[in-house]
Amino acid sequence: MTPCLKSVIIKVKGWRMKMKGLKNNKIVQSLLALLVLGLALWTGQDLGQEPAQTGSDEPRSSQSATTSQGSQQVVEGEAYSAPEDVAAYIDQFGDLPKNYIRKAEAKAAGWIPEEGNLWEVTDHKSIGGDRFGNYEGQLPEDEAYREADVNYQGGPRGPERLVYSEDGDKIYYTKDHYDSFQTLKEVD
């Protein structure tokens, strides 16, 4: 064995012995445990639970929201797609959830409606926030409205929409692309 190789082996064996000594050292173990706990608290991780969400814009299903006294509880800054969740979000925060994008912004990002590629070019966004003309005349005429796709799961846009007044006092749901409306909120 060459002197250089012998020196390396001795150093590795010495390192292993030092590491074994650390394994049995209660102080070092306690410090390591505190370090792990401190990092978990600092990053907001719950050590006994599943990993935290990664911040994806993919919408939550309606089952993920909890109800309290008959109203949906939603979290500001989260993504929602179910009609009752989006309506609750508009009601509570006066705006659409973070997973919504206007048509012009989506087209600028590369969205081609005929191709149904919205999720591919926008990281799971839904169309919402554009003006609704109320050309069918089925909603009160004295309001300015906006619309938002609901229950959208990628691909071509479906028929389901929320139509809401700009002040958020009126929110309607249509499952059949404006043929009929269900009132979700109407404050006079």
C-alpha atoms as a PDB file:
ATOM      1  CA  MET A   1       0.000   0.000   0.000  1.00  0.00           C
ATOM      2  CA  THR A   2       1.340   3.425  -0.919  1.00  0.00           C
ATOM      3  CA  PRO A   3       1.947   5.975   1.837  1.00  0.00           C
ATOM      4  CA  CYS A   4      -0.572   8.362   0.271  1.00  0.00           C
ATOM      5  CA  LEU A   5      -3.353   5.735   0.181  1.00  0.00           C
ATOM      6  CA  LYS A   6      -2.520   4.651   3.745  1.00  0.00           C
ATOM      7  CA  SER A   7      -2.853   8.270   4.885  1.00  0.00           C
ATOM      8  CA  VAL A   8      -6.285   8.570   3.226  1.00  0.00           C
ATOM      9  CA  ILE A   9      -7.520   5.342   4.858  1.00  0.00           C
ATOM     10  CA  ILE A  10      -6.336   6.504   8.276  1.00  0.00           C
ATOM     11  CA  LYS A  11      -8.096   9.863   7.797  1.00  0.00           C
ATOM     12  CA  VAL A  12     -11.339   8.152   6.731  1.00  0.00           C
ATOM     13  CA  LYS A  13     -11.198   5.756   9.705  1.00  0.00           C
ATOM     14  CA  GLY A  14     -10.548   8.679  12.045  1.00  0.00           C
ATOM     15  CA  TRP A  15     -13.493  10.585  10.571  1.00  0.00           C
ATOM     16  CA  ARG A  16     -15.744   7.558  11.049  1.00  0.00           C
ATOM     17  CA  MET A  17     -14.650   7.240  14.660  1.00  0.00           C
ATOM     18  CA  LYS A  18     -15.370  10.918  15.261  1.00  0.00           C
ATOM     19  CA  MET A  19     -18.825  10.511  13.707  1.00  0.00           C
ATOM     20  CA  LYS A  20     -19.547   7.474  15.898  1.00  0.00           C
ATOM     21  CA  GLY A  21     -18.604   9.559  18.910  1.00  0.00           C
ATOM     22  CA  LEU A  22     -21.083  12.240  17.836  1.00  0.00           C
ATOM     23  CA  LYS A  23     -23.879   9.694  17.508  1.00  0.00           C
ATOM     24  CA  ASN A  24     -23.571   8.864  21.189  1.00  0.00           C
ATOM     25  CA  ASN A  25     -23.252  12.475  22.327  1.00  0.00           C
ATOM     26  CA  LYS A  26     -26.606  13.575  23.806  1.00  0.00           C
ATOM     27  CA  ILE A  27     -25.742  17.270  23.555  1.00  0.00           C
ATOM     28  CA  VAL A  28     -25.081  17.038  19.815  1.00  0.00           C
ATOM     29  CA  GLN A  29     -28.265  15.026  19.306  1.00  0.00           C
ATOM     30  CA  SER A  30     -30.273  17.627  21.199  1.00  0.00           C
ATOM     31  CA  LEU A  31     -28.748  20.463  19.187  1.00  0.00           C
ATOM     32  CA  LEU A  32     -29.520  18.672  15.921  1.00  0.00           C
ATOM     33  CA  ALA A  33     -33.115  18.095  17.023  1.00  0.00           C
ATOM     34  CA  LEU A  34     -33.466  21.781  17.926  1.00  0.00           C
ATOM     35  CA  LEU A  35     -31.973  22.760  14.570  1.00  0.00           C
ATOM     36  CA  VAL A  36     -34.477  20.582  12.677  1.00  0.00           C
ATOM     37  CA  LEU A  37     -37.367  21.883  14.774  1.00  0.00           C
ATOM     38  CA  GLY A  38     -36.232  25.483  14.299  1.00  0.00           C
ATOM     39  CA  LEU A  39     -35.998  25.021  10.527  1.00  0.00           C
ATOM     40  CA  ALA A  40     -39.451  23.449  10.439  1.00  0.00           C
ATOM     41  CA  LEU A  41     -40.960  26.337  12.398  1.00  0.00           C
ATOM     42  CA  TRP A  42     -39.094  28.918  10.339  1.00  0.00           C
ATOM     43  CA  THR A  43     -40.335  27.452   7.023  1.00  0.00           C
ATOM     44  CA  GLY A  44     -43.859  26.897   8.342  1.00  0.00           C
ATOM     45  CA  GLN A  45     -43.799  23.103   8.081  1.00  0.00           C
ATOM     46  CA  ASP A  46     -45.985  20.966  10.331  1.00  0.00           C
ATOM     47  CA  LEU A  47     -43.857  17.937  11.223  1.00  0.00           C
ATOM     48  CA  GLY A  48     -46.815  15.651  11.956  1.00  0.00           C
ATOM     49  CA  GLN A  49     -48.799  16.413   8.798  1.00  0.00           C
ATOM     50  CA  GLU A  50     -48.625  15.960   5.051  1.00  0.00           C
ATOM     51  CA  PRO A  51     -46.296  18.349   3.179  1.00  0.00           C
ATOM     52  CA  ALA A  52     -47.558  21.882   2.629  1.00  0.00           C
ATOM     53  CA  GLN A  53     -48.984  22.867  -0.760  1.00  0.00           C
ATOM     54  CA  THR A  54     -46.481  24.053  -3.326  1.00  0.00           C
ATOM     55  CA  GLY A  55     -48.302  27.250  -4.248  1.00  0.00           C
ATOM     56  CA  SER A  56     -49.812  25.867  -7.427  1.00  0.00           C
ATOM     57  CA  ASP A  57     -52.607  27.862  -8.971  1.00  0.00           C
ATOM     58  CA  GLU A  58     -54.599  24.695  -9.501  1.00  0.00           C
ATOM     59  CA  PRO A  59     -58.056  25.330  -8.040  1.00  0.00           C
ATOM     60  CA  ARG A  60     -59.316  23.627  -4.912  1.00  0.00           C
ATOM     61  CA  SER A  61     -62.425  21.519  -5.242  1.00  0.00           C
ATOM     62  CA  SER A  62     -65.598  22.535  -3.477  1.00  0.00           C
ATOM     63  CA  GLN A  63     -65.013  19.829  -0.858  1.00  0.00           C
ATOM     64  CA  SER A  64     -61.878  21.577   0.420  1.00  0.00           C
ATOM     65  CA  ALA A  65     -63.787  24.607   1.653  1.00  0.00           C
ATOM     66  CA  THR A  66     -65.468  24.448   5.025  1.00  0.00           C
ATOM     67  CA  THR A  67     -68.830  25.870   5.846  1.00  0.00           C
ATOM     68  CA  SER A  68     -69.594  28.097   8.788  1.00  0.00           C
ATOM     69  CA  GLN A  69     -73.168  29.175   9.533  1.00  0.00           C
ATOM     70  CA  GLY A  70     -74.243  28.446   5.957  1.00  0.00           C
ATOM     71  CA  SER A  71     -71.516  30.442   4.206  1.00  0.00           C
ATOM     72  CA  GLN A  72     -68.374  29.199   2.496  1.00  0.00           C
ATOM     73  CA  GLN A  73     -65.075  29.989   4.184  1.00  0.00           C
ATOM     74  CA  VAL A  74     -62.343  30.794   1.691  1.00  0.00           C
ATOM     75  CA  VAL A  75     -58.754  31.928   2.141  1.00  0.00           C
ATOM     76  CA  GLU A  76     -57.497  35.104   0.504  1.00  0.00           C
ATOM     77  CA  GLY A  77     -54.849  34.421  -2.129  1.00  0.00           C
ATOM     78  CA  GLU A  78     -55.906  30.796  -2.741  1.00  0.00           C
ATOM     79  CA  ALA A  79     -57.272  29.337  -6.000  1.00  0.00           C
ATOM     80  CA  TYR A  80     -60.928  28.296  -6.290  1.00  0.00           C
ATOM     81  CA  SER A  81     -63.120  26.999  -9.112  1.00  0.00           C
ATOM     82  CA  ALA A  82     -66.412  25.741  -7.628  1.00  0.00           C
ATOM     83  CA  PRO A  83     -69.263  28.287  -8.021  1.00  0.00           C
ATOM     84  CA  GLU A  84     -70.020  28.559  -4.298  1.00  0.00           C
ATOM     85  CA  ASP A  85     -66.327  29.031  -3.456  1.00  0.00           C
ATOM     86  CA  VAL A  86     -65.732  31.689  -6.117  1.00  0.00           C
ATOM     87  CA  ALA A  87     -68.950  33.469  -5.054  1.00  0.00           C
ATOM     88  CA  ALA A  88     -67.794  33.396  -1.408  1.00  0.00           C
ATOM     89  CA  TYR A  89     -64.399  34.755  -2.463  1.00  0.00           C
ATOM     90  CA  ILE A  90     -65.993  37.657  -4.361  1.00  0.00           C
ATOM     91  CA  ASP A  91     -68.307  38.303  -1.407  1.00  0.00           C
ATOM     92  CA  GLN A  92     -65.506  38.274   1.183  1.00  0.00           C
ATOM     93  CA  PHE A  93     -62.653  39.921  -0.734  1.00  0.00           C
ATOM     94  CA  GLY A  94     -64.345  41.905  -3.530  1.00  0.00           C
ATOM     95  CA  ASP A  95     -62.298  40.285  -6.283  1.00  0.00           C
ATOM     96  CA  LEU A  96     -61.707  36.961  -8.039  1.00  0.00           C
ATOM     97  CA  PRO A  97     -59.310  34.327  -6.658  1.00  0.00           C
ATOM     98  CA  LYS A  98     -55.693  34.298  -7.859  1.00  0.00           C
ATOM     99  CA  ASN A  99     -56.337  31.627 -10.498  1.00  0.00           C
ATOM    100  CA  TYR A 100     -58.352  33.984 -12.721  1.00  0.00           C
ATOM    101  CA  ILE A 101     -57.081  35.904 -15.730  1.00  0.00           C
ATOM    102  CA  ARG A 102     -58.837  38.211 -18.175  1.00  0.00           C
ATOM    103  CA  LYS A 103     -59.208  37.215 -21.815  1.00  0.00           C
ATOM    104  CA  ALA A 104     -56.754  39.839 -23.109  1.00  0.00           C
ATOM    105  CA  GLU A 105     -54.070  38.748 -20.630  1.00  0.00           C
ATOM    106  CA  ALA A 106     -54.614  35.088 -21.522  1.00  0.00           C
ATOM    107  CA  LYS A 107     -54.343  35.828 -25.249  1.00  0.00           C
ATOM    108  CA  ALA A 108     -51.136  37.782 -24.617  1.00  0.00           C
ATOM    109  CA  ALA A 109     -49.780  34.675 -22.857  1.00  0.00           C
ATOM    110  CA  GLY A 110     -50.543  32.552 -25.938  1.00  0.00           C
ATOM    111  CA  TRP A 111     -54.090  31.339 -25.281  1.00  0.00           C
ATOM    112  CA  ILE A 112     -55.959  30.301 -28.411  1.00  0.00           C
ATOM    113  CA  PRO A 113     -59.606  29.681 -27.380  1.00  0.00           C
ATOM    114  CA  GLU A 114     -60.262  27.257 -30.241  1.00  0.00           C
ATOM    115  CA  GLU A 115     -57.337  25.088 -29.108  1.00  0.00           C
ATOM    116  CA  GLY A 116     -58.375  24.955 -25.454  1.00  0.00           C
ATOM    117  CA  ASN A 117     -54.782  25.556 -24.335  1.00  0.00           C
ATOM    118  CA  LEU A 118     -55.475  27.947 -21.450  1.00  0.00           C
ATOM    119  CA  TRP A 119     -53.939  25.779 -18.727  1.00  0.00           C
ATOM    120  CA  GLU A 120     -50.873  25.082 -20.829  1.00  0.00           C
ATOM    121  CA  VAL A 121     -50.041  28.773 -21.272  1.00  0.00           C
ATOM    122  CA  THR A 122     -51.218  30.184 -17.918  1.00  0.00           C
ATOM    123  CA  ASP A 123     -50.370  27.709 -15.133  1.00  0.00           C
ATOM    124  CA  HIS A 124     -53.956  26.532 -14.495  1.00  0.00           C
ATOM    125  CA  LYS A 125     -55.742  29.879 -14.758  1.00  0.00           C
ATOM    126  CA  SER A 126     -59.453  30.320 -15.551  1.00  0.00           C
ATOM    127  CA  ILE A 127     -61.029  33.130 -17.554  1.00  0.00           C
ATOM    128  CA  GLY A 128     -62.689  35.769 -15.394  1.00  0.00           C
ATOM    129  CA  GLY A 129     -63.104  39.450 -14.714  1.00  0.00           C
ATOM    130  CA  ASP A 130     -64.233  40.560 -18.176  1.00  0.00           C
ATOM    131  CA  ARG A 131     -67.356  42.640 -18.650  1.00  0.00           C
ATOM    132  CA  PHE A 132     -70.671  40.795 -19.114  1.00  0.00           C
ATOM    133  CA  GLY A 133     -73.103  42.616 -21.401  1.00  0.00           C
ATOM    134  CA  ASN A 134     -76.397  41.130 -20.116  1.00  0.00           C
ATOM    135  CA  TYR A 135     -77.607  41.066 -23.745  1.00  0.00           C
ATOM    136  CA  GLU A 136     -80.140  38.393 -22.833  1.00  0.00           C
ATOM    137  CA  GLY A 137     -81.718  40.876 -20.408  1.00  0.00           C
ATOM    138  CA  GLN A 138     -82.290  38.185 -17.774  1.00  0.00           C
ATOM    139  CA  LEU A 139     -80.522  40.084 -14.989  1.00  0.00           C
ATOM    140  CA  PRO A 140     -81.453  43.467 -13.472  1.00  0.00           C
ATOM    141  CA  GLU A 141     -80.628  46.166 -16.028  1.00  0.00           C
ATOM    142  CA  ASP A 142     -79.347  48.781 -13.577  1.00  0.00           C
ATOM    143  CA  GLU A 143     -76.036  47.018 -12.885  1.00  0.00           C
ATOM    144  CA  ALA A 144     -72.640  46.631 -14.574  1.00  0.00           C
ATOM    145  CA  TYR A 145     -71.596  42.971 -14.514  1.00  0.00           C
ATOM    146  CA  ARG A 146     -68.471  40.855 -14.840  1.00  0.00           C
ATOM    147  CA  GLU A 147     -68.239  37.138 -15.533  1.00  0.00           C
ATOM    148  CA  ALA A 148     -66.012  34.235 -14.503  1.00  0.00           C
ATOM    149  CA  ASP A 149     -65.749  30.616 -15.648  1.00  0.00           C
ATOM    150  CA  VAL A 150     -66.432  28.132 -12.848  1.00  0.00           C
ATOM    151  CA  ASN A 151     -65.703  24.410 -12.527  1.00  0.00           C
ATOM    152  CA  TYR A 152     -63.129  24.822 -15.298  1.00  0.00           C
ATOM    153  CA  GLN A 153     -60.693  21.909 -15.477  1.00  0.00           C
ATOM    154  CA  GLY A 154     -58.624  22.793 -18.540  1.00  0.00           C
ATOM    155  CA  GLY A 155     -59.310  22.349 -22.240  1.00  0.00           C
ATOM    156  CA  PRO A 156     -62.138  24.214 -23.983  1.00  0.00           C
ATOM    157  CA  ARG A 157     -64.198  26.544 -21.803  1.00  0.00           C
ATOM    158  CA  GLY A 158     -67.397  25.032 -20.471  1.00  0.00           C
ATOM    159  CA  PRO A 159     -70.864  26.589 -20.147  1.00  0.00           C
ATOM    160  CA  GLU A 160     -70.697  27.318 -16.404  1.00  0.00           C
ATOM    161  CA  ARG A 161     -70.223  30.937 -15.334  1.00  0.00           C
ATOM    162  CA  LEU A 162     -70.617  33.247 -12.388  1.00  0.00           C
ATOM    163  CA  VAL A 163     -71.954  36.659 -13.298  1.00  0.00           C
ATOM    164  CA  TYR A 164     -71.492  39.267 -10.593  1.00  0.00           C
ATOM    165  CA  SER A 165     -72.109  42.975 -10.194  1.00  0.00           C
ATOM    166  CA  GLU A 166     -69.028  45.159 -10.043  1.00  0.00           C
ATOM    167  CA  ASP A 167     -69.839  46.100  -6.446  1.00  0.00           C
ATOM    168  CA  GLY A 168     -70.256  42.411  -5.514  1.00  0.00           C
ATOM    169  CA  ASP A 169     -73.825  42.871  -4.236  1.00  0.00           C
ATOM    170  CA  LYS A 170     -75.299  40.515  -6.839  1.00  0.00           C
ATOM    171  CA  ILE A 171     -73.869  37.134  -7.812  1.00  0.00           C
ATOM    172  CA  TYR A 172     -75.554  34.715 -10.217  1.00  0.00           C
ATOM    173  CA  TYR A 173     -74.648  31.244 -11.465  1.00  0.00           C
ATOM    174  CA  THR A 174     -75.457  29.843 -14.906  1.00  0.00           C
ATOM    175  CA  LYS A 175     -74.813  26.213 -15.755  1.00  0.00           C
ATOM    176  CA  ASP A 176     -76.085  26.565 -19.336  1.00  0.00           C
ATOM    177  CA  HIS A 177     -74.177  29.546 -20.763  1.00  0.00           C
ATOM    178  CA  TYR A 178     -76.668  32.302 -19.875  1.00  0.00           C
ATOM    179  CA  ASP A 179     -79.902  30.434 -20.728  1.00  0.00           C
ATOM    180  CA  SER A 180     -80.904  30.469 -17.056  1.00  0.00           C
ATOM    181  CA  PHE A 181     -79.528  31.924 -13.829  1.00  0.00           C
ATOM    182  CA  GLN A 182     -79.573  30.903 -10.190  1.00  0.00           C
ATOM    183  CA  THR A 183     -79.224  33.727  -7.654  1.00  0.00           C
ATOM    184  CA  LEU A 184     -76.363  33.125  -5.218  1.00  0.00           C
ATOM    185  CA  LYS A 185     -76.399  36.612  -3.673  1.00  0.00           C
ATOM    186  CA  GLU A 186     -78.644  39.609  -4.188  1.00  0.00           C
ATOM    187  CA  VAL A 187     -78.496  42.640  -1.907  1.00  0.00           C
ATOM    188  CA  ASP A 188     -80.841  45.531  -2.702  1.00  0.00           C
END
